[in-house]
Amino acid sequence: MLRIHCPYCGVRDHEEFSYFGDATKVYPPLDAEHHDGWVEAVYMRDNPKGVHTEFWQHTLACRRWLVVRRNTVTHDILSVVPARERALP
């Protein structure tokens, strides 16, 4: 079972959280000129094997956004930090 340590609420089952994707993705500027870049950023997803950095929201408790580094093979959680404290790519 995947358990995530919320910095605000403690260790919780992953079912309390919602996954929101890759936290390392860089999005293009918001203008019509970059439409193809937005299609790529929003709809084209990698399926990484190994360590991955992801956005999660603690939807059933504090509702805070978190950045979770985990191994997608073993599901080991390597680190959890509040999203506002993450290092930007």
PDB file of N, CA and C in Angstrom:
ATOM      1  N   MET A   1       0.850  -1.179   0.000  1.00  0.00           N
ATOM      2  CA  MET A   1       0.000   0.000   0.000  1.00  0.00           C
ATOM      3  C   MET A   1       0.897   1.243   0.000  1.00  0.00           C
ATOM      4  N   LEU A   2       0.562   2.198  -0.818  1.00  0.00           N
ATOM      5  CA  LEU A   2       1.305   3.453  -0.923  1.00  0.00           C
ATOM      6  C   LEU A   2       0.836   4.400   0.174  1.00  0.00           C
ATOM      7  N   ARG A   3       1.787   4.820   1.025  1.00  0.00           N
ATOM      8  CA  ARG A   3       1.486   5.756   2.103  1.00  0.00           C
ATOM      9  C   ARG A   3       2.366   6.988   1.921  1.00  0.00           C
ATOM     10  N   ILE A   4       1.745   8.155   1.998  1.00  0.00           N
ATOM     11  CA  ILE A   4       2.434   9.419   1.764  1.00  0.00           C
ATOM     12  C   ILE A   4       2.480  10.206   3.073  1.00  0.00           C
ATOM     13  N   HIS A   5       3.657  10.730   3.391  1.00  0.00           N
ATOM     14  CA  HIS A   5       3.799  11.541   4.594  1.00  0.00           C
ATOM     15  C   HIS A   5       3.499  12.996   4.250  1.00  0.00           C
ATOM     16  N   CYS A   6       2.309  13.441   4.620  1.00  0.00           N
ATOM     17  CA  CYS A   6       1.934  14.840   4.426  1.00  0.00           C
ATOM     18  C   CYS A   6       2.657  15.661   5.491  1.00  0.00           C
ATOM     19  N   PRO A   7       3.383  16.724   5.106  1.00  0.00           N
ATOM     20  CA  PRO A   7       4.080  17.544   6.094  1.00  0.00           C
ATOM     21  C   PRO A   7       3.134  18.221   7.085  1.00  0.00           C
ATOM     22  N   TYR A   8       1.847  18.315   6.749  1.00  0.00           N
ATOM     23  CA  TYR A   8       0.873  18.989   7.593  1.00  0.00           C
ATOM     24  C   TYR A   8       0.026  18.035   8.423  1.00  0.00           C
ATOM     25  N   CYS A   9      -0.241  16.828   7.893  1.00  0.00           N
ATOM     26  CA  CYS A   9      -1.183  15.897   8.528  1.00  0.00           C
ATOM     27  C   CYS A   9      -0.564  14.583   8.992  1.00  0.00           C
ATOM     28  N   GLY A  10       0.663  14.306   8.584  1.00  0.00           N
ATOM     29  CA  GLY A  10       1.294  13.037   8.938  1.00  0.00           C
ATOM     30  C   GLY A  10       1.123  11.990   7.843  1.00  0.00           C
ATOM     31  N   VAL A  11       1.443  10.762   8.171  1.00  0.00           N
ATOM     32  CA  VAL A  11       1.388   9.672   7.192  1.00  0.00           C
ATOM     33  C   VAL A  11      -0.067   9.297   6.930  1.00  0.00           C
ATOM     34  N   ARG A  12      -0.398   9.229   5.645  1.00  0.00           N
ATOM     35  CA  ARG A  12      -1.773   8.907   5.242  1.00  0.00           C
ATOM     36  C   ARG A  12      -1.756   7.949   4.049  1.00  0.00           C
ATOM     37  N   ASP A  13      -2.855   7.240   3.860  1.00  0.00           N
ATOM     38  CA  ASP A  13      -3.014   6.360   2.714  1.00  0.00           C
ATOM     39  C   ASP A  13      -3.131   7.190   1.441  1.00  0.00           C
ATOM     40  N   HIS A  14      -2.602   6.685   0.337  1.00  0.00           N
ATOM     41  CA  HIS A  14      -2.605   7.445  -0.922  1.00  0.00           C
ATOM     42  C   HIS A  14      -4.010   7.768  -1.417  1.00  0.00           C
ATOM     43  N   GLU A  15      -5.018   7.045  -0.941  1.00  0.00           N
ATOM     44  CA  GLU A  15      -6.393   7.308  -1.382  1.00  0.00           C
ATOM     45  C   GLU A  15      -6.917   8.662  -0.915  1.00  0.00           C
ATOM     46  N   GLU A  16      -6.236   9.285   0.050  1.00  0.00           N
ATOM     47  CA  GLU A  16      -6.616  10.634   0.482  1.00  0.00           C
ATOM     48  C   GLU A  16      -6.088  11.713  -0.457  1.00  0.00           C
ATOM     49  N   PHE A  17      -5.217  11.316  -1.386  1.00  0.00           N
ATOM     50  CA  PHE A  17      -4.531  12.261  -2.265  1.00  0.00           C
ATOM     51  C   PHE A  17      -5.002  12.111  -3.709  1.00  0.00           C
ATOM     52  N   SER A  18      -4.809  13.159  -4.489  1.00  0.00           N
ATOM     53  CA  SER A  18      -5.053  13.111  -5.929  1.00  0.00           C
ATOM     54  C   SER A  18      -3.746  13.405  -6.644  1.00  0.00           C
ATOM     55  N   TYR A  19      -3.448  12.600  -7.648  1.00  0.00           N
ATOM     56  CA  TYR A  19      -2.231  12.749  -8.440  1.00  0.00           C
ATOM     57  C   TYR A  19      -2.472  13.783  -9.528  1.00  0.00           C
ATOM     58  N   PHE A  20      -1.524  14.698  -9.733  1.00  0.00           N
ATOM     59  CA  PHE A  20      -1.704  15.738 -10.738  1.00  0.00           C
ATOM     60  C   PHE A  20      -0.561  15.858 -11.726  1.00  0.00           C
ATOM     61  N   GLY A  21       0.301  14.863 -11.813  1.00  0.00           N
ATOM     62  CA  GLY A  21       1.273  14.845 -12.898  1.00  0.00           C
ATOM     63  C   GLY A  21       2.688  15.241 -12.533  1.00  0.00           C
ATOM     64  N   ASP A  22       3.470  15.351 -13.577  1.00  0.00           N
ATOM     65  CA  ASP A  22       4.908  15.587 -13.522  1.00  0.00           C
ATOM     66  C   ASP A  22       5.225  16.974 -12.959  1.00  0.00           C
ATOM     67  N   ALA A  23       5.975  17.017 -11.870  1.00  0.00           N
ATOM     68  CA  ALA A  23       6.326  18.299 -11.246  1.00  0.00           C
ATOM     69  C   ALA A  23       7.579  18.918 -11.844  1.00  0.00           C
ATOM     70  N   THR A  24       8.178  18.253 -12.826  1.00  0.00           N
ATOM     71  CA  THR A  24       9.383  18.808 -13.446  1.00  0.00           C
ATOM     72  C   THR A  24       9.107  19.427 -14.809  1.00  0.00           C
ATOM     73  N   LYS A  25       7.897  19.277 -15.300  1.00  0.00           N
ATOM     74  CA  LYS A  25       7.550  19.779 -16.627  1.00  0.00           C
ATOM     75  C   LYS A  25       7.564  21.300 -16.659  1.00  0.00           C
ATOM     76  N   VAL A  26       8.151  21.857 -17.701  1.00  0.00           N
ATOM     77  CA  VAL A  26       8.188  23.310 -17.900  1.00  0.00           C
ATOM     78  C   VAL A  26       7.153  23.648 -18.965  1.00  0.00           C
ATOM     79  N   TYR A  27       6.252  24.554 -18.633  1.00  0.00           N
ATOM     80  CA  TYR A  27       5.176  24.918 -19.554  1.00  0.00           C
ATOM     81  C   TYR A  27       5.567  26.143 -20.378  1.00  0.00           C
ATOM     82  N   PRO A  28       5.092  26.213 -21.632  1.00  0.00           N
ATOM     83  CA  PRO A  28       5.406  27.358 -22.494  1.00  0.00           C
ATOM     84  C   PRO A  28       4.611  28.597 -22.073  1.00  0.00           C
ATOM     85  N   PRO A  29       4.979  29.770 -22.622  1.00  0.00           N
ATOM     86  CA  PRO A  29       4.221  30.997 -22.329  1.00  0.00           C
ATOM     87  C   PRO A  29       2.759  30.868 -22.775  1.00  0.00           C
ATOM     88  N   LEU A  30       1.892  31.625 -22.119  1.00  0.00           N
ATOM     89  CA  LEU A  30       0.454  31.598 -22.439  1.00  0.00           C
ATOM     90  C   LEU A  30       0.141  32.580 -23.569  1.00  0.00           C
ATOM     91  N   ASP A  31       0.348  32.145 -24.794  1.00  0.00           N
ATOM     92  CA  ASP A  31      -0.044  32.960 -25.939  1.00  0.00           C
ATOM     93  C   ASP A  31      -0.322  32.039 -27.125  1.00  0.00           C
ATOM     94  N   ALA A  32      -1.024  32.562 -28.103  1.00  0.00           N
ATOM     95  CA  ALA A  32      -1.437  31.754 -29.252  1.00  0.00           C
ATOM     96  C   ALA A  32      -0.246  31.186 -30.014  1.00  0.00           C
ATOM     97  N   GLU A  33       0.861  31.863 -29.977  1.00  0.00           N
ATOM     98  CA  GLU A  33       2.062  31.444 -30.697  1.00  0.00           C
ATOM     99  C   GLU A  33       2.601  30.099 -30.197  1.00  0.00           C
ATOM    100  N   HIS A  34       2.306  29.754 -28.958  1.00  0.00           N
ATOM    101  CA  HIS A  34       2.834  28.528 -28.363  1.00  0.00           C
ATOM    102  C   HIS A  34       1.782  27.425 -28.222  1.00  0.00           C
ATOM    103  N   HIS A  35       0.763  27.438 -29.081  1.00  0.00           N
ATOM    104  CA  HIS A  35      -0.316  26.448 -29.011  1.00  0.00           C
ATOM    105  C   HIS A  35       0.208  25.014 -29.082  1.00  0.00           C
ATOM    106  N   ASP A  36       1.079  24.725 -30.033  1.00  0.00           N
ATOM    107  CA  ASP A  36       1.605  23.367 -30.179  1.00  0.00           C
ATOM    108  C   ASP A  36       2.399  22.942 -28.935  1.00  0.00           C
ATOM    109  N   GLY A  37       3.100  23.881 -28.331  1.00  0.00           N
ATOM    110  CA  GLY A  37       3.834  23.586 -27.108  1.00  0.00           C
ATOM    111  C   GLY A  37       2.905  23.217 -25.962  1.00  0.00           C
ATOM    112  N   TRP A  38       1.738  23.884 -25.902  1.00  0.00           N
ATOM    113  CA  TRP A  38       0.762  23.556 -24.857  1.00  0.00           C
ATOM    114  C   TRP A  38       0.119  22.198 -25.102  1.00  0.00           C
ATOM    115  N   VAL A  39      -0.169  21.883 -26.345  1.00  0.00           N
ATOM    116  CA  VAL A  39      -0.717  20.555 -26.656  1.00  0.00           C
ATOM    117  C   VAL A  39       0.269  19.485 -26.200  1.00  0.00           C
ATOM    118  N   GLU A  40       1.533  19.694 -26.510  1.00  0.00           N
ATOM    119  CA  GLU A  40       2.588  18.756 -26.090  1.00  0.00           C
ATOM    120  C   GLU A  40       2.660  18.664 -24.558  1.00  0.00           C
ATOM    121  N   ALA A  41       2.660  19.801 -23.878  1.00  0.00           N
ATOM    122  CA  ALA A  41       2.818  19.829 -22.423  1.00  0.00           C
ATOM    123  C   ALA A  41       1.634  19.210 -21.687  1.00  0.00           C
ATOM    124  N   VAL A  42       0.423  19.413 -22.195  1.00  0.00           N
ATOM    125  CA  VAL A  42      -0.769  18.947 -21.492  1.00  0.00           C
ATOM    126  C   VAL A  42      -1.134  17.497 -21.830  1.00  0.00           C
ATOM    127  N   TYR A  43      -1.007  17.128 -23.102  1.00  0.00           N
ATOM    128  CA  TYR A  43      -1.528  15.825 -23.512  1.00  0.00           C
ATOM    129  C   TYR A  43      -0.477  14.726 -23.701  1.00  0.00           C
ATOM    130  N   MET A  44       0.760  15.086 -23.917  1.00  0.00           N
ATOM    131  CA  MET A  44       1.792  14.077 -24.145  1.00  0.00           C
ATOM    132  C   MET A  44       2.501  13.792 -22.819  1.00  0.00           C
ATOM    133  N   ARG A  45       2.367  12.583 -22.341  1.00  0.00           N
ATOM    134  CA  ARG A  45       2.910  12.216 -21.037  1.00  0.00           C
ATOM    135  C   ARG A  45       3.971  11.133 -21.178  1.00  0.00           C
ATOM    136  N   ASP A  46       5.026  11.268 -20.392  1.00  0.00           N
ATOM    137  CA  ASP A  46       6.000  10.198 -20.280  1.00  0.00           C
ATOM    138  C   ASP A  46       5.491   9.214 -19.233  1.00  0.00           C
ATOM    139  N   ASN A  47       5.957   7.990 -19.307  1.00  0.00           N
ATOM    140  CA  ASN A  47       5.638   6.990 -18.305  1.00  0.00           C
ATOM    141  C   ASN A  47       6.966   6.506 -17.731  1.00  0.00           C
ATOM    142  N   PRO A  48       7.555   7.318 -16.830  1.00  0.00           N
ATOM    143  CA  PRO A  48       8.915   7.023 -16.366  1.00  0.00           C
ATOM    144  C   PRO A  48       8.993   5.763 -15.516  1.00  0.00           C
ATOM    145  N   LYS A  49      10.103   5.094 -15.637  1.00  0.00           N
ATOM    146  CA  LYS A  49      10.388   3.930 -14.814  1.00  0.00           C
ATOM    147  C   LYS A  49      11.531   4.329 -13.891  1.00  0.00           C
ATOM    148  N   GLY A  50      11.288   4.297 -12.596  1.00  0.00           N
ATOM    149  CA  GLY A  50      12.305   4.707 -11.636  1.00  0.00           C
ATOM    150  C   GLY A  50      11.872   5.941 -10.869  1.00  0.00           C
ATOM    151  N   VAL A  51      12.827   6.741 -10.463  1.00  0.00           N
ATOM    152  CA  VAL A  51      12.544   7.921  -9.636  1.00  0.00           C
ATOM    153  C   VAL A  51      11.847   8.992 -10.473  1.00  0.00           C
ATOM    154  N   HIS A  52      10.756   9.525  -9.917  1.00  0.00           N
ATOM    155  CA  HIS A  52       9.955  10.532 -10.609  1.00  0.00           C
ATOM    156  C   HIS A  52       9.481  11.561  -9.588  1.00  0.00           C
ATOM    157  N   THR A  53       9.372  12.813 -10.011  1.00  0.00           N
ATOM    158  CA  THR A  53       8.899  13.897  -9.147  1.00  0.00           C
ATOM    159  C   THR A  53       7.508  14.297  -9.613  1.00  0.00           C
ATOM    160  N   GLU A  54       6.536  14.256  -8.687  1.00  0.00           N
ATOM    161  CA  GLU A  54       5.124  14.395  -9.061  1.00  0.00           C
ATOM    162  C   GLU A  54       4.396  15.392  -8.161  1.00  0.00           C
ATOM    163  N   PHE A  55       3.358  16.024  -8.717  1.00  0.00           N
ATOM    164  CA  PHE A  55       2.441  16.838  -7.925  1.00  0.00           C
ATOM    165  C   PHE A  55       1.336  15.943  -7.372  1.00  0.00           C
ATOM    166  N   TRP A  56       1.037  16.109  -6.094  1.00  0.00           N
ATOM    167  CA  TRP A  56      -0.099  15.451  -5.453  1.00  0.00           C
ATOM    168  C   TRP A  56      -0.815  16.510  -4.617  1.00  0.00           C
ATOM    169  N   GLN A  57      -2.127  16.366  -4.480  1.00  0.00           N
ATOM    170  CA  GLN A  57      -2.884  17.246  -3.592  1.00  0.00           C
ATOM    171  C   GLN A  57      -3.540  16.384  -2.519  1.00  0.00           C
ATOM    172  N   HIS A  58      -3.464  16.818  -1.275  1.00  0.00           N
ATOM    173  CA  HIS A  58      -4.087  16.090  -0.168  1.00  0.00           C
ATOM    174  C   HIS A  58      -5.561  16.485  -0.118  1.00  0.00           C
ATOM    175  N   THR A  59      -6.321  15.948  -1.049  1.00  0.00           N
ATOM    176  CA  THR A  59      -7.701  16.386  -1.292  1.00  0.00           C
ATOM    177  C   THR A  59      -8.679  16.053  -0.175  1.00  0.00           C
ATOM    178  N   LEU A  60      -8.431  14.987   0.589  1.00  0.00           N
ATOM    179  CA  LEU A  60      -9.396  14.600   1.622  1.00  0.00           C
ATOM    180  C   LEU A  60      -9.007  15.069   3.016  1.00  0.00           C
ATOM    181  N   ALA A  61      -8.062  15.979   3.102  1.00  0.00           N
ATOM    182  CA  ALA A  61      -7.677  16.506   4.420  1.00  0.00           C
ATOM    183  C   ALA A  61      -7.316  17.989   4.285  1.00  0.00           C
ATOM    184  N   CYS A  62      -6.035  18.331   4.343  1.00  0.00           N
ATOM    185  CA  CYS A  62      -5.617  19.736   4.378  1.00  0.00           C
ATOM    186  C   CYS A  62      -5.710  20.450   3.032  1.00  0.00           C
ATOM    187  N   ARG A  63      -5.870  19.692   1.944  1.00  0.00           N
ATOM    188  CA  ARG A  63      -5.995  20.221   0.579  1.00  0.00           C
ATOM    189  C   ARG A  63      -4.719  20.905   0.077  1.00  0.00           C
ATOM    190  N   ARG A  64      -3.610  20.688   0.732  1.00  0.00           N
ATOM    191  CA  ARG A  64      -2.337  21.290   0.329  1.00  0.00           C
ATOM    192  C   ARG A  64      -1.743  20.554  -0.862  1.00  0.00           C
ATOM    193  N   TRP A  65      -1.012  21.305  -1.673  1.00  0.00           N
ATOM    194  CA  TRP A  65      -0.291  20.738  -2.807  1.00  0.00           C
ATOM    195  C   TRP A  65       1.093  20.304  -2.348  1.00  0.00           C
ATOM    196  N   LEU A  66       1.511  19.121  -2.783  1.00  0.00           N
ATOM    197  CA  LEU A  66       2.792  18.552  -2.396  1.00  0.00           C
ATOM    198  C   LEU A  66       3.577  18.135  -3.623  1.00  0.00           C
ATOM    199  N   VAL A  67       4.885  18.094  -3.479  1.00  0.00           N
ATOM    200  CA  VAL A  67       5.753  17.519  -4.497  1.00  0.00           C
ATOM    201  C   VAL A  67       6.338  16.246  -3.883  1.00  0.00           C
ATOM    202  N   VAL A  68       6.037  15.126  -4.532  1.00  0.00           N
ATOM    203  CA  VAL A  68       6.441  13.813  -4.036  1.00  0.00           C
ATOM    204  C   VAL A  68       7.461  13.218  -4.999  1.00  0.00           C
ATOM    205  N   ARG A  69       8.623  12.832  -4.480  1.00  0.00           N
ATOM    206  CA  ARG A  69       9.608  12.075  -5.267  1.00  0.00           C
ATOM    207  C   ARG A  69       9.434  10.628  -4.880  1.00  0.00           C
ATOM    208  N   ARG A  70       9.145   9.784  -5.866  1.00  0.00           N
ATOM    209  CA  ARG A  70       8.952   8.370  -5.565  1.00  0.00           C
ATOM    210  C   ARG A  70       9.510   7.519  -6.682  1.00  0.00           C
ATOM    211  N   ASN A  71       9.760   6.281  -6.357  1.00  0.00           N
ATOM    212  CA  ASN A  71      10.219   5.310  -7.338  1.00  0.00           C
ATOM    213  C   ASN A  71       8.975   4.650  -7.911  1.00  0.00           C
ATOM    214  N   THR A  72       8.755   4.783  -9.211  1.00  0.00           N
ATOM    215  CA  THR A  72       7.545   4.246  -9.832  1.00  0.00           C
ATOM    216  C   THR A  72       7.564   2.728  -9.959  1.00  0.00           C
ATOM    217  N   VAL A  73       8.714   2.115  -9.735  1.00  0.00           N
ATOM    218  CA  VAL A  73       8.809   0.652  -9.790  1.00  0.00           C
ATOM    219  C   VAL A  73       8.484   0.056  -8.426  1.00  0.00           C
ATOM    220  N   THR A  74       9.126   0.581  -7.384  1.00  0.00           N
ATOM    221  CA  THR A  74       8.956   0.020  -6.034  1.00  0.00           C
ATOM    222  C   THR A  74       7.893   0.758  -5.224  1.00  0.00           C
ATOM    223  N   HIS A  75       7.496   1.928  -5.663  1.00  0.00           N
ATOM    224  CA  HIS A  75       6.552   2.821  -4.975  1.00  0.00           C
ATOM    225  C   HIS A  75       7.110   3.372  -3.666  1.00  0.00           C
ATOM    226  N   ASP A  76       8.414   3.287  -3.485  1.00  0.00           N
ATOM    227  CA  ASP A  76       9.041   3.897  -2.313  1.00  0.00           C
ATOM    228  C   ASP A  76       8.947   5.415  -2.426  1.00  0.00           C
ATOM    229  N   ILE A  77       8.512   6.060  -1.355  1.00  0.00           N
ATOM    230  CA  ILE A  77       8.465   7.522  -1.296  1.00  0.00           C
ATOM    231  C   ILE A  77       9.831   7.996  -0.824  1.00  0.00           C
ATOM    232  N   LEU A  78      10.500   8.812  -1.643  1.00  0.00           N
ATOM    233  CA  LEU A  78      11.838   9.295  -1.324  1.00  0.00           C
ATOM    234  C   LEU A  78      11.815  10.635  -0.596  1.00  0.00           C
ATOM    235  N   SER A  79      10.859  11.491  -0.945  1.00  0.00           N
ATOM    236  CA  SER A  79      10.721  12.775  -0.254  1.00  0.00           C
ATOM    237  C   SER A  79       9.356  13.374  -0.559  1.00  0.00           C
ATOM    238  N   VAL A  80       8.907  14.205   0.366  1.00  0.00           N
ATOM    239  CA  VAL A  80       7.660  14.965   0.195  1.00  0.00           C
ATOM    240  C   VAL A  80       7.922  16.363   0.719  1.00  0.00           C
ATOM    241  N   VAL A  81       7.629  17.371  -0.106  1.00  0.00           N
ATOM    242  CA  VAL A  81       7.767  18.766   0.323  1.00  0.00           C
ATOM    243  C   VAL A  81       6.532  19.542  -0.119  1.00  0.00           C
ATOM    244  N   PRO A  82       6.170  20.587   0.624  1.00  0.00           N
ATOM    245  CA  PRO A  82       5.098  21.448   0.155  1.00  0.00           C
ATOM    246  C   PRO A  82       5.466  22.014  -1.220  1.00  0.00           C
ATOM    247  N   ALA A  83       4.514  22.087  -2.119  1.00  0.00           N
ATOM    248  CA  ALA A  83       4.788  22.533  -3.488  1.00  0.00           C
ATOM    249  C   ALA A  83       5.413  23.923  -3.524  1.00  0.00           C
ATOM    250  N   ARG A  84       5.012  24.794  -2.630  1.00  0.00           N
ATOM    251  CA  ARG A  84       5.569  26.155  -2.647  1.00  0.00           C
ATOM    252  C   ARG A  84       7.036  26.197  -2.241  1.00  0.00           C
ATOM    253  N   GLU A  85       7.546  25.099  -1.656  1.00  0.00           N
ATOM    254  CA  GLU A  85       8.945  25.048  -1.241  1.00  0.00           C
ATOM    255  C   GLU A  85       9.815  24.231  -2.190  1.00  0.00           C
ATOM    256  N   ARG A  86       9.253  23.790  -3.293  1.00  0.00           N
ATOM    257  CA  ARG A  86      10.023  22.951  -4.215  1.00  0.00           C
ATOM    258  C   ARG A  86      11.080  23.756  -4.962  1.00  0.00           C
ATOM    259  N   ALA A  87      12.125  23.056  -5.349  1.00  0.00           N
ATOM    260  CA  ALA A  87      13.148  23.666  -6.192  1.00  0.00           C
ATOM    261  C   ALA A  87      12.611  23.683  -7.617  1.00  0.00           C
ATOM    262  N   LEU A  88      12.637  24.816  -8.258  1.00  0.00           N
ATOM    263  CA  LEU A  88      12.117  24.927  -9.628  1.00  0.00           C
ATOM    264  C   LEU A  88      13.113  24.326 -10.613  1.00  0.00           C
ATOM    265  N   PRO A  89      12.569  23.679 -11.681  1.00  0.00           N
ATOM    266  CA  PRO A  89      13.459  23.051 -12.684  1.00  0.00           C
ATOM    267  C   PRO A  89      14.270  24.072 -13.450  1.00  0.00           C
TER     268      PRO A  89
END
